[in-house]
């Protein structure tokens, strides 16, 4: 039973580590923001949105791109996987028949 518990906790820890790594990679991916900025610029050039709308959207997207760049450069604080940063436990409960 103890071996089974250790295997279960180990596998949950492994899966959660992979989820955290995938989430971190998604947070650091700015390609979708760049595509959205380009699409917004095209909409402005085609006259689909006004200068004010374009300015608002551009400001928001550039701020998000800046946040990602700062996080990549280490200015956004520690990340899981960095030295000294790790997942130390998982709190889980299961209800029902045992």
PDB file of N, CA and C in Angstrom:
ATOM      1  N   UNK A   1       0.816  -1.184   0.000  1.00  0.00           N
ATOM      2  CA  UNK A   1       0.000   0.000   0.000  1.00  0.00           C
ATOM      3  C   UNK A   1       0.867   1.258   0.000  1.00  0.00           C
ATOM      4  N   UNK A   2       1.954   1.231   0.779  1.00  0.00           N
ATOM      5  CA  UNK A   2       2.849   2.391   0.833  1.00  0.00           C
ATOM      6  C   UNK A   2       3.527   2.605  -0.511  1.00  0.00           C
ATOM      7  N   UNK A   3       3.931   1.514  -1.166  1.00  0.00           N
ATOM      8  CA  UNK A   3       4.565   1.627  -2.472  1.00  0.00           C
ATOM      9  C   UNK A   3       3.590   2.219  -3.480  1.00  0.00           C
ATOM     10  N   UNK A   4       2.353   1.780  -3.428  1.00  0.00           N
ATOM     11  CA  UNK A   4       1.314   2.289  -4.318  1.00  0.00           C
ATOM     12  C   UNK A   4       1.088   3.784  -4.086  1.00  0.00           C
ATOM     13  N   UNK A   5       1.041   4.186  -2.817  1.00  0.00           N
ATOM     14  CA  UNK A   5       0.874   5.598  -2.487  1.00  0.00           C
ATOM     15  C   UNK A   5       2.044   6.427  -3.019  1.00  0.00           C
ATOM     16  N   UNK A   6       3.263   5.941  -2.844  1.00  0.00           N
ATOM     17  CA  UNK A   6       4.440   6.664  -3.339  1.00  0.00           C
ATOM     18  C   UNK A   6       4.423   6.765  -4.855  1.00  0.00           C
ATOM     19  N   UNK A   7       3.999   5.695  -5.525  1.00  0.00           N
ATOM     20  CA  UNK A   7       3.921   5.711  -6.984  1.00  0.00           C
ATOM     21  C   UNK A   7       2.855   6.705  -7.441  1.00  0.00           C
ATOM     22  N   UNK A   8       1.716   6.714  -6.761  1.00  0.00           N
ATOM     23  CA  UNK A   8       0.634   7.624  -7.113  1.00  0.00           C
ATOM     24  C   UNK A   8       1.066   9.068  -6.917  1.00  0.00           C
ATOM     25  N   UNK A   9       1.666   9.377  -5.789  1.00  0.00           N
ATOM     26  CA  UNK A   9       2.129  10.739  -5.520  1.00  0.00           C
ATOM     27  C   UNK A   9       3.225  11.131  -6.496  1.00  0.00           C
ATOM     28  N   UNK A  10       4.139  10.210  -6.781  1.00  0.00           N
ATOM     29  CA  UNK A  10       5.203  10.493  -7.745  1.00  0.00           C
ATOM     30  C   UNK A  10       4.656  10.777  -9.135  1.00  0.00           C
ATOM     31  N   UNK A  11       3.662  10.001  -9.546  1.00  0.00           N
ATOM     32  CA  UNK A  11       3.102  10.221 -10.884  1.00  0.00           C
ATOM     33  C   UNK A  11       2.305  11.524 -10.935  1.00  0.00           C
ATOM     34  N   UNK A  12       1.595  11.849  -9.857  1.00  0.00           N
ATOM     35  CA  UNK A  12       0.866  13.122  -9.815  1.00  0.00           C
ATOM     36  C   UNK A  12       1.848  14.284  -9.861  1.00  0.00           C
ATOM     37  N   UNK A  13       2.935  14.178  -9.124  1.00  0.00           N
ATOM     38  CA  UNK A  13       3.960  15.223  -9.118  1.00  0.00           C
ATOM     39  C   UNK A  13       4.570  15.383 -10.513  1.00  0.00           C
ATOM     40  N   UNK A  14       4.812  14.271 -11.193  1.00  0.00           N
ATOM     41  CA  UNK A  14       5.367  14.306 -12.544  1.00  0.00           C
ATOM     42  C   UNK A  14       4.410  15.017 -13.503  1.00  0.00           C
ATOM     43  N   UNK A  15       3.123  14.636 -13.442  1.00  0.00           N
ATOM     44  CA  UNK A  15       2.126  15.228 -14.332  1.00  0.00           C
ATOM     45  C   UNK A  15       1.976  16.722 -14.048  1.00  0.00           C
ATOM     46  N   UNK A  16       1.906  17.094 -12.783  1.00  0.00           N
ATOM     47  CA  UNK A  16       1.782  18.506 -12.436  1.00  0.00           C
ATOM     48  C   UNK A  16       3.008  19.299 -12.876  1.00  0.00           C
ATOM     49  N   UNK A  17       4.172  18.698 -12.792  1.00  0.00           N
ATOM     50  CA  UNK A  17       5.384  19.358 -13.280  1.00  0.00           C
ATOM     51  C   UNK A  17       5.300  19.624 -14.777  1.00  0.00           C
ATOM     52  N   UNK A  18       4.779  18.653 -15.514  1.00  0.00           N
ATOM     53  CA  UNK A  18       4.606  18.827 -16.960  1.00  0.00           C
ATOM     54  C   UNK A  18       3.566  19.897 -17.271  1.00  0.00           C
ATOM     55  N   UNK A  19       2.488  19.934 -16.490  1.00  0.00           N
ATOM     56  CA  UNK A  19       1.453  20.956 -16.683  1.00  0.00           C
ATOM     57  C   UNK A  19       2.028  22.341 -16.425  1.00  0.00           C
ATOM     58  N   UNK A  20       2.800  22.473 -15.359  1.00  0.00           N
ATOM     59  CA  UNK A  20       3.414  23.761 -15.038  1.00  0.00           C
ATOM     60  C   UNK A  20       4.377  24.185 -16.144  1.00  0.00           C
ATOM     61  N   UNK A  21       5.165  23.250 -16.656  1.00  0.00           N
ATOM     62  CA  UNK A  21       6.098  23.573 -17.739  1.00  0.00           C
ATOM     63  C   UNK A  21       5.357  24.007 -19.002  1.00  0.00           C
ATOM     64  N   UNK A  22       4.271  23.319 -19.321  1.00  0.00           N
ATOM     65  CA  UNK A  22       3.476  23.694 -20.495  1.00  0.00           C
ATOM     66  C   UNK A  22       2.832  25.063 -20.311  1.00  0.00           C
ATOM     67  N   UNK A  23       2.332  25.323 -19.119  1.00  0.00           N
ATOM     68  CA  UNK A  23       1.713  26.621 -18.847  1.00  0.00           C
ATOM     69  C   UNK A  23       2.749  27.738 -18.927  1.00  0.00           C
ATOM     70  N   UNK A  24       3.943  27.487 -18.412  1.00  0.00           N
ATOM     71  CA  UNK A  24       5.015  28.479 -18.466  1.00  0.00           C
ATOM     72  C   UNK A  24       5.416  28.751 -19.913  1.00  0.00           C
ATOM     73  N   UNK A  25       5.494  27.708 -20.721  1.00  0.00           N
ATOM     74  CA  UNK A  25       5.829  27.891 -22.134  1.00  0.00           C
ATOM     75  C   UNK A  25       4.757  28.703 -22.845  1.00  0.00           C
ATOM     76  N   UNK A  26       3.494  28.441 -22.518  1.00  0.00           N
ATOM     77  CA  UNK A  26       2.396  29.196 -23.122  1.00  0.00           C
ATOM     78  C   UNK A  26       2.438  30.660 -22.697  1.00  0.00           C
ATOM     79  N   UNK A  27       2.772  30.896 -21.436  1.00  0.00           N
ATOM     80  CA  UNK A  27       2.872  32.279 -20.948  1.00  0.00           C
ATOM     81  C   UNK A  27       4.003  33.037 -21.639  1.00  0.00           C
ATOM     82  N   UNK A  28       5.062  32.340 -21.976  1.00  0.00           N
ATOM     83  CA  UNK A  28       6.225  32.985 -22.583  1.00  0.00           C
ATOM     84  C   UNK A  28       6.141  33.057 -24.107  1.00  0.00           C
ATOM     85  N   UNK A  29       5.090  32.507 -24.698  1.00  0.00           N
ATOM     86  CA  UNK A  29       4.934  32.525 -26.152  1.00  0.00           C
ATOM     87  C   UNK A  29       4.214  33.804 -26.573  1.00  0.00           C
ATOM     88  N   UNK A  30       4.905  34.629 -27.336  1.00  0.00           N
ATOM     89  CA  UNK A  30       4.316  35.903 -27.745  1.00  0.00           C
ATOM     90  C   UNK A  30       3.878  35.917 -29.207  1.00  0.00           C
ATOM     91  N   UNK A  31       3.948  34.787 -29.879  1.00  0.00           N
ATOM     92  CA  UNK A  31       3.625  34.756 -31.308  1.00  0.00           C
ATOM     93  C   UNK A  31       2.159  35.118 -31.565  1.00  0.00           C
ATOM     94  N   UNK A  32       1.257  34.642 -30.710  1.00  0.00           N
ATOM     95  CA  UNK A  32      -0.164  34.959 -30.924  1.00  0.00           C
ATOM     96  C   UNK A  32      -0.426  36.456 -30.725  1.00  0.00           C
ATOM     97  N   UNK A  33       0.310  37.093 -29.805  1.00  0.00           N
ATOM     98  CA  UNK A  33       0.139  38.543 -29.613  1.00  0.00           C
ATOM     99  C   UNK A  33       0.669  39.326 -30.810  1.00  0.00           C
ATOM    100  N   UNK A  34       1.783  38.861 -31.362  1.00  0.00           N
ATOM    101  CA  UNK A  34       2.331  39.529 -32.547  1.00  0.00           C
ATOM    102  C   UNK A  34       1.377  39.390 -33.733  1.00  0.00           C
ATOM    103  N   UNK A  35       0.780  38.212 -33.882  1.00  0.00           N
ATOM    104  CA  UNK A  35      -0.194  38.001 -34.953  1.00  0.00           C
ATOM    105  C   UNK A  35      -1.423  38.889 -34.758  1.00  0.00           C
ATOM    106  N   UNK A  36      -1.868  39.012 -33.516  1.00  0.00           N
ATOM    107  CA  UNK A  36      -3.023  39.859 -33.222  1.00  0.00           C
ATOM    108  C   UNK A  36      -2.706  41.333 -33.503  1.00  0.00           C
ATOM    109  N   UNK A  37      -1.490  41.755 -33.179  1.00  0.00           N
ATOM    110  CA  UNK A  37      -1.073  43.133 -33.462  1.00  0.00           C
ATOM    111  C   UNK A  37      -1.041  43.383 -34.968  1.00  0.00           C
ATOM    112  N   UNK A  38      -0.514  42.446 -35.715  1.00  0.00           N
ATOM    113  CA  UNK A  38      -0.472  42.571 -37.175  1.00  0.00           C
ATOM    114  C   UNK A  38      -1.886  42.608 -37.765  1.00  0.00           C
ATOM    115  N   UNK A  39      -2.765  41.750 -37.261  1.00  0.00           N
ATOM    116  CA  UNK A  39      -4.144  41.728 -37.744  1.00  0.00           C
ATOM    117  C   UNK A  39      -4.854  43.047 -37.424  1.00  0.00           C
ATOM    118  N   UNK A  40      -4.584  43.590 -36.262  1.00  0.00           N
ATOM    119  CA  UNK A  40      -5.188  44.870 -35.881  1.00  0.00           C
ATOM    120  C   UNK A  40      -4.689  45.985 -36.788  1.00  0.00           C
ATOM    121  N   UNK A  41      -3.409  45.954 -37.104  1.00  0.00           N
ATOM    122  CA  UNK A  41      -2.847  46.963 -38.016  1.00  0.00           C
ATOM    123  C   UNK A  41      -3.480  46.846 -39.401  1.00  0.00           C
ATOM    124  N   UNK A  42      -3.690  45.625 -39.851  1.00  0.00           N
ATOM    125  CA  UNK A  42      -4.329  45.423 -41.153  1.00  0.00           C
ATOM    126  C   UNK A  42      -5.772  45.946 -41.129  1.00  0.00           C
ATOM    127  N   UNK A  43      -6.497  45.677 -40.043  1.00  0.00           N
ATOM    128  CA  UNK A  43      -7.876  46.175 -39.926  1.00  0.00           C
ATOM    129  C   UNK A  43      -7.907  47.700 -39.958  1.00  0.00           C
ATOM    130  N   UNK A  44      -6.914  48.335 -39.321  1.00  0.00           N
ATOM    131  CA  UNK A  44      -6.845  49.794 -39.323  1.00  0.00           C
ATOM    132  C   UNK A  44      -6.575  50.315 -40.738  1.00  0.00           C
ATOM    133  N   UNK A  45      -5.619  49.687 -41.425  1.00  0.00           N
ATOM    134  CA  UNK A  45      -5.269  50.120 -42.776  1.00  0.00           C
ATOM    135  C   UNK A  45      -6.424  49.920 -43.752  1.00  0.00           C
ATOM    136  N   UNK A  46      -7.268  48.921 -43.500  1.00  0.00           N
ATOM    137  CA  UNK A  46      -8.418  48.669 -44.362  1.00  0.00           C
ATOM    138  C   UNK A  46      -9.624  49.526 -43.973  1.00  0.00           C
ATOM    139  N   UNK A  47      -9.489  50.300 -42.905  1.00  0.00           N
ATOM    140  CA  UNK A  47     -10.566  51.184 -42.475  1.00  0.00           C
ATOM    141  C   UNK A  47     -11.640  50.507 -41.642  1.00  0.00           C
ATOM    142  N   UNK A  48     -11.366  49.315 -41.149  1.00  0.00           N
ATOM    143  CA  UNK A  48     -12.357  48.591 -40.356  1.00  0.00           C
ATOM    144  C   UNK A  48     -12.446  49.116 -38.924  1.00  0.00           C
ATOM    145  N   UNK A  49     -11.370  49.726 -38.428  1.00  0.00           N
ATOM    146  CA  UNK A  49     -11.375  50.312 -37.090  1.00  0.00           C
ATOM    147  C   UNK A  49     -10.802  51.721 -37.165  1.00  0.00           C
ATOM    148  N   UNK A  50     -11.127  52.520 -36.167  1.00  0.00           N
ATOM    149  CA  UNK A  50     -10.662  53.912 -36.149  1.00  0.00           C
ATOM    150  C   UNK A  50      -9.261  54.007 -35.552  1.00  0.00           C
ATOM    151  N   UNK A  51      -8.668  55.185 -35.669  1.00  0.00           N
ATOM    152  CA  UNK A  51      -7.348  55.445 -35.093  1.00  0.00           C
ATOM    153  C   UNK A  51      -7.379  55.235 -33.575  1.00  0.00           C
ATOM    154  N   UNK A  52      -8.447  55.676 -32.920  1.00  0.00           N
ATOM    155  CA  UNK A  52      -8.561  55.540 -31.468  1.00  0.00           C
ATOM    156  C   UNK A  52      -8.649  54.069 -31.059  1.00  0.00           C
ATOM    157  N   UNK A  53      -9.462  53.297 -31.780  1.00  0.00           N
ATOM    158  CA  UNK A  53      -9.574  51.866 -31.486  1.00  0.00           C
ATOM    159  C   UNK A  53      -8.237  51.169 -31.688  1.00  0.00           C
ATOM    160  N   UNK A  54      -7.564  51.515 -32.783  1.00  0.00           N
ATOM    161  CA  UNK A  54      -6.267  50.927 -33.052  1.00  0.00           C
ATOM    162  C   UNK A  54      -5.284  51.268 -31.937  1.00  0.00           C
ATOM    163  N   UNK A  55      -5.283  52.516 -31.492  1.00  0.00           N
ATOM    164  CA  UNK A  55      -4.375  52.948 -30.429  1.00  0.00           C
ATOM    165  C   UNK A  55      -4.612  52.203 -29.130  1.00  0.00           C
ATOM    166  N   UNK A  56      -5.881  52.003 -28.778  1.00  0.00           N
ATOM    167  CA  UNK A  56      -6.213  51.282 -27.554  1.00  0.00           C
ATOM    168  C   UNK A  56      -5.756  49.826 -27.618  1.00  0.00           C
ATOM    169  N   UNK A  57      -6.060  49.173 -28.730  1.00  0.00           N
ATOM    170  CA  UNK A  57      -5.684  47.771 -28.889  1.00  0.00           C
ATOM    171  C   UNK A  57      -4.162  47.626 -28.924  1.00  0.00           C
ATOM    172  N   UNK A  58      -3.507  48.514 -29.659  1.00  0.00           N
ATOM    173  CA  UNK A  58      -2.051  48.465 -29.754  1.00  0.00           C
ATOM    174  C   UNK A  58      -1.399  48.651 -28.384  1.00  0.00           C
ATOM    175  N   UNK A  59      -1.913  49.588 -27.599  1.00  0.00           N
ATOM    176  CA  UNK A  59      -1.366  49.828 -26.262  1.00  0.00           C
ATOM    177  C   UNK A  59      -1.471  48.582 -25.388  1.00  0.00           C
ATOM    178  N   UNK A  60      -2.633  47.927 -25.430  1.00  0.00           N
ATOM    179  CA  UNK A  60      -2.836  46.718 -24.633  1.00  0.00           C
ATOM    180  C   UNK A  60      -1.905  45.593 -25.077  1.00  0.00           C
ATOM    181  N   UNK A  61      -1.799  45.394 -26.383  1.00  0.00           N
ATOM    182  CA  UNK A  61      -0.963  44.305 -26.891  1.00  0.00           C
ATOM    183  C   UNK A  61       0.513  44.554 -26.608  1.00  0.00           C
ATOM    184  N   UNK A  62       0.958  45.781 -26.779  1.00  0.00           N
ATOM    185  CA  UNK A  62       2.363  46.090 -26.508  1.00  0.00           C
ATOM    186  C   UNK A  62       2.691  45.934 -25.031  1.00  0.00           C
ATOM    187  N   UNK A  63       1.752  46.267 -24.157  1.00  0.00           N
ATOM    188  CA  UNK A  63       1.972  46.070 -22.720  1.00  0.00           C
ATOM    189  C   UNK A  63       2.120  44.590 -22.396  1.00  0.00           C
ATOM    190  N   UNK A  64       1.275  43.761 -23.005  1.00  0.00           N
ATOM    191  CA  UNK A  64       1.376  42.315 -22.780  1.00  0.00           C
ATOM    192  C   UNK A  64       2.673  41.758 -23.348  1.00  0.00           C
ATOM    193  N   UNK A  65       3.093  42.242 -24.519  1.00  0.00           N
ATOM    194  CA  UNK A  65       4.366  41.805 -25.092  1.00  0.00           C
ATOM    195  C   UNK A  65       5.532  42.211 -24.192  1.00  0.00           C
ATOM    196  N   UNK A  66       5.456  43.403 -23.619  1.00  0.00           N
ATOM    197  CA  UNK A  66       6.507  43.882 -22.712  1.00  0.00           C
ATOM    198  C   UNK A  66       6.586  42.995 -21.462  1.00  0.00           C
ATOM    199  N   UNK A  67       5.433  42.603 -20.926  1.00  0.00           N
ATOM    200  CA  UNK A  67       5.402  41.714 -19.764  1.00  0.00           C
ATOM    201  C   UNK A  67       6.081  40.383 -20.068  1.00  0.00           C
ATOM    202  N   UNK A  68       5.794  39.836 -21.234  1.00  0.00           N
ATOM    203  CA  UNK A  68       6.398  38.560 -21.623  1.00  0.00           C
ATOM    204  C   UNK A  68       7.901  38.712 -21.761  1.00  0.00           C
ATOM    205  N   UNK A  69       8.352  39.789 -22.400  1.00  0.00           N
ATOM    206  CA  UNK A  69       9.787  40.006 -22.569  1.00  0.00           C
ATOM    207  C   UNK A  69      10.475  40.150 -21.212  1.00  0.00           C
ATOM    208  N   UNK A  70       9.873  40.882 -20.291  1.00  0.00           N
ATOM    209  CA  UNK A  70      10.452  41.040 -18.955  1.00  0.00           C
ATOM    210  C   UNK A  70      10.518  39.703 -18.226  1.00  0.00           C
ATOM    211  N   UNK A  71       9.469  38.889 -18.368  1.00  0.00           N
ATOM    212  CA  UNK A  71       9.461  37.582 -17.721  1.00  0.00           C
ATOM    213  C   UNK A  71      10.557  36.701 -18.307  1.00  0.00           C
ATOM    214  N   UNK A  72      10.743  36.761 -19.626  1.00  0.00           N
ATOM    215  CA  UNK A  72      11.808  35.980 -20.275  1.00  0.00           C
ATOM    216  C   UNK A  72      13.190  36.404 -19.795  1.00  0.00           C
ATOM    217  N   UNK A  73      13.372  37.695 -19.613  1.00  0.00           N
ATOM    218  CA  UNK A  73      14.669  38.221 -19.209  1.00  0.00           C
ATOM    219  C   UNK A  73      14.908  38.095 -17.712  1.00  0.00           C
ATOM    220  N   UNK A  74      13.956  37.515 -16.989  1.00  0.00           N
ATOM    221  CA  UNK A  74      14.140  37.304 -15.571  1.00  0.00           C
ATOM    222  C   UNK A  74      13.692  38.454 -14.703  1.00  0.00           C
ATOM    223  N   UNK A  75      13.050  39.448 -15.280  1.00  0.00           N
ATOM    224  CA  UNK A  75      12.607  40.594 -14.501  1.00  0.00           C
ATOM    225  C   UNK A  75      11.241  40.361 -13.886  1.00  0.00           C
ATOM    226  N   UNK A  76      10.581  39.287 -14.263  1.00  0.00           N
ATOM    227  CA  UNK A  76       9.232  39.022 -13.787  1.00  0.00           C
ATOM    228  C   UNK A  76       9.167  38.104 -12.587  1.00  0.00           C
ATOM    229  N   UNK A  77      10.286  37.808 -11.968  1.00  0.00           N
ATOM    230  CA  UNK A  77      10.291  36.956 -10.794  1.00  0.00           C
ATOM    231  C   UNK A  77      10.681  35.525 -11.136  1.00  0.00           C
ATOM    232  N   UNK A  78      10.784  34.672 -10.120  1.00  0.00           N
ATOM    233  CA  UNK A  78      11.229  33.290 -10.336  1.00  0.00           C
ATOM    234  C   UNK A  78      10.176  32.443 -11.022  1.00  0.00           C
ATOM    235  N   UNK A  79      10.651  31.387 -11.691  1.00  0.00           N
ATOM    236  CA  UNK A  79       9.767  30.451 -12.362  1.00  0.00           C
ATOM    237  C   UNK A  79      10.030  29.057 -11.812  1.00  0.00           C
ATOM    238  N   UNK A  80       9.052  28.194 -11.911  1.00  0.00           N
ATOM    239  CA  UNK A  80       9.243  26.807 -11.530  1.00  0.00           C
ATOM    240  C   UNK A  80      10.316  26.224 -12.429  1.00  0.00           C
ATOM    241  N   UNK A  81      11.259  25.533 -11.843  1.00  0.00           N
ATOM    242  CA  UNK A  81      12.378  24.982 -12.598  1.00  0.00           C
ATOM    243  C   UNK A  81      13.640  25.792 -12.420  1.00  0.00           C
ATOM    244  N   UNK A  82      13.513  27.055 -12.028  1.00  0.00           N
ATOM    245  CA  UNK A  82      14.688  27.857 -11.720  1.00  0.00           C
ATOM    246  C   UNK A  82      15.346  27.282 -10.470  1.00  0.00           C
ATOM    247  N   UNK A  83      16.613  27.558 -10.305  1.00  0.00           N
ATOM    248  CA  UNK A  83      17.321  27.087  -9.133  1.00  0.00           C
ATOM    249  C   UNK A  83      16.671  27.653  -7.880  1.00  0.00           C
ATOM    250  N   UNK A  84      16.351  26.783  -6.950  1.00  0.00           N
ATOM    251  CA  UNK A  84      15.725  27.205  -5.704  1.00  0.00           C
ATOM    252  C   UNK A  84      14.212  27.292  -5.763  1.00  0.00           C
ATOM    253  N   UNK A  85      13.612  27.079  -6.928  1.00  0.00           N
ATOM    254  CA  UNK A  85      12.159  27.131  -7.061  1.00  0.00           C
ATOM    255  C   UNK A  85      11.678  25.758  -7.499  1.00  0.00           C
ATOM    256  N   UNK A  86      10.785  25.180  -6.711  1.00  0.00           N
ATOM    257  CA  UNK A  86      10.267  23.862  -7.066  1.00  0.00           C
ATOM    258  C   UNK A  86       8.888  23.666  -6.448  1.00  0.00           C
ATOM    259  N   UNK A  87       8.148  22.719  -6.981  1.00  0.00           N
ATOM    260  CA  UNK A  87       6.863  22.332  -6.417  1.00  0.00           C
ATOM    261  C   UNK A  87       7.159  21.411  -5.255  1.00  0.00           C
ATOM    262  N   UNK A  88       6.678  21.752  -4.070  1.00  0.00           N
ATOM    263  CA  UNK A  88       7.021  20.964  -2.892  1.00  0.00           C
ATOM    264  C   UNK A  88       5.899  20.055  -2.419  1.00  0.00           C
ATOM    265  N   UNK A  89       4.717  20.225  -2.925  1.00  0.00           N
ATOM    266  CA  UNK A  89       3.648  19.339  -2.485  1.00  0.00           C
ATOM    267  C   UNK A  89       2.369  19.609  -3.232  1.00  0.00           C
ATOM    268  N   UNK A  90       1.488  18.650  -3.102  1.00  0.00           N
ATOM    269  CA  UNK A  90       0.188  18.744  -3.731  1.00  0.00           C
ATOM    270  C   UNK A  90      -0.848  18.359  -2.694  1.00  0.00           C
ATOM    271  N   UNK A  91      -1.877  19.163  -2.555  1.00  0.00           N
ATOM    272  CA  UNK A  91      -2.955  18.861  -1.636  1.00  0.00           C
ATOM    273  C   UNK A  91      -4.136  18.357  -2.448  1.00  0.00           C
ATOM    274  N   UNK A  92      -4.490  17.091  -2.255  1.00  0.00           N
ATOM    275  CA  UNK A  92      -5.588  16.512  -3.018  1.00  0.00           C
ATOM    276  C   UNK A  92      -6.449  15.673  -2.106  1.00  0.00           C
ATOM    277  N   UNK A  93      -7.736  15.631  -2.373  1.00  0.00           N
ATOM    278  CA  UNK A  93      -8.636  14.777  -1.618  1.00  0.00           C
ATOM    279  C   UNK A  93      -9.558  14.066  -2.607  1.00  0.00           C
ATOM    280  N   UNK A  94      -9.900  12.846  -2.258  1.00  0.00           N
ATOM    281  CA  UNK A  94     -10.741  12.036  -3.120  1.00  0.00           C
ATOM    282  C   UNK A  94     -11.903  11.537  -2.282  1.00  0.00           C
ATOM    283  N   UNK A  95     -13.095  11.710  -2.769  1.00  0.00           N
ATOM    284  CA  UNK A  95     -14.254  11.225  -2.043  1.00  0.00           C
ATOM    285  C   UNK A  95     -14.816   9.993  -2.697  1.00  0.00           C
ATOM    286  N   UNK A  96     -15.601   9.253  -1.967  1.00  0.00           N
ATOM    287  CA  UNK A  96     -16.233   8.083  -2.546  1.00  0.00           C
ATOM    288  C   UNK A  96     -15.751   6.795  -1.907  1.00  0.00           C
ATOM    289  N   UNK A  97     -16.022   5.663  -2.550  1.00  0.00           N
ATOM    290  CA  UNK A  97     -15.633   4.357  -2.030  1.00  0.00           C
ATOM    291  C   UNK A  97     -14.141   4.152  -2.173  1.00  0.00           C
ATOM    292  N   UNK A  98     -13.579   3.453  -1.201  1.00  0.00           N
ATOM    293  CA  UNK A  98     -12.133   3.206  -1.249  1.00  0.00           C
ATOM    294  C   UNK A  98     -11.838   1.845  -1.800  1.00  0.00           C
TER     295      UNK A  98
END
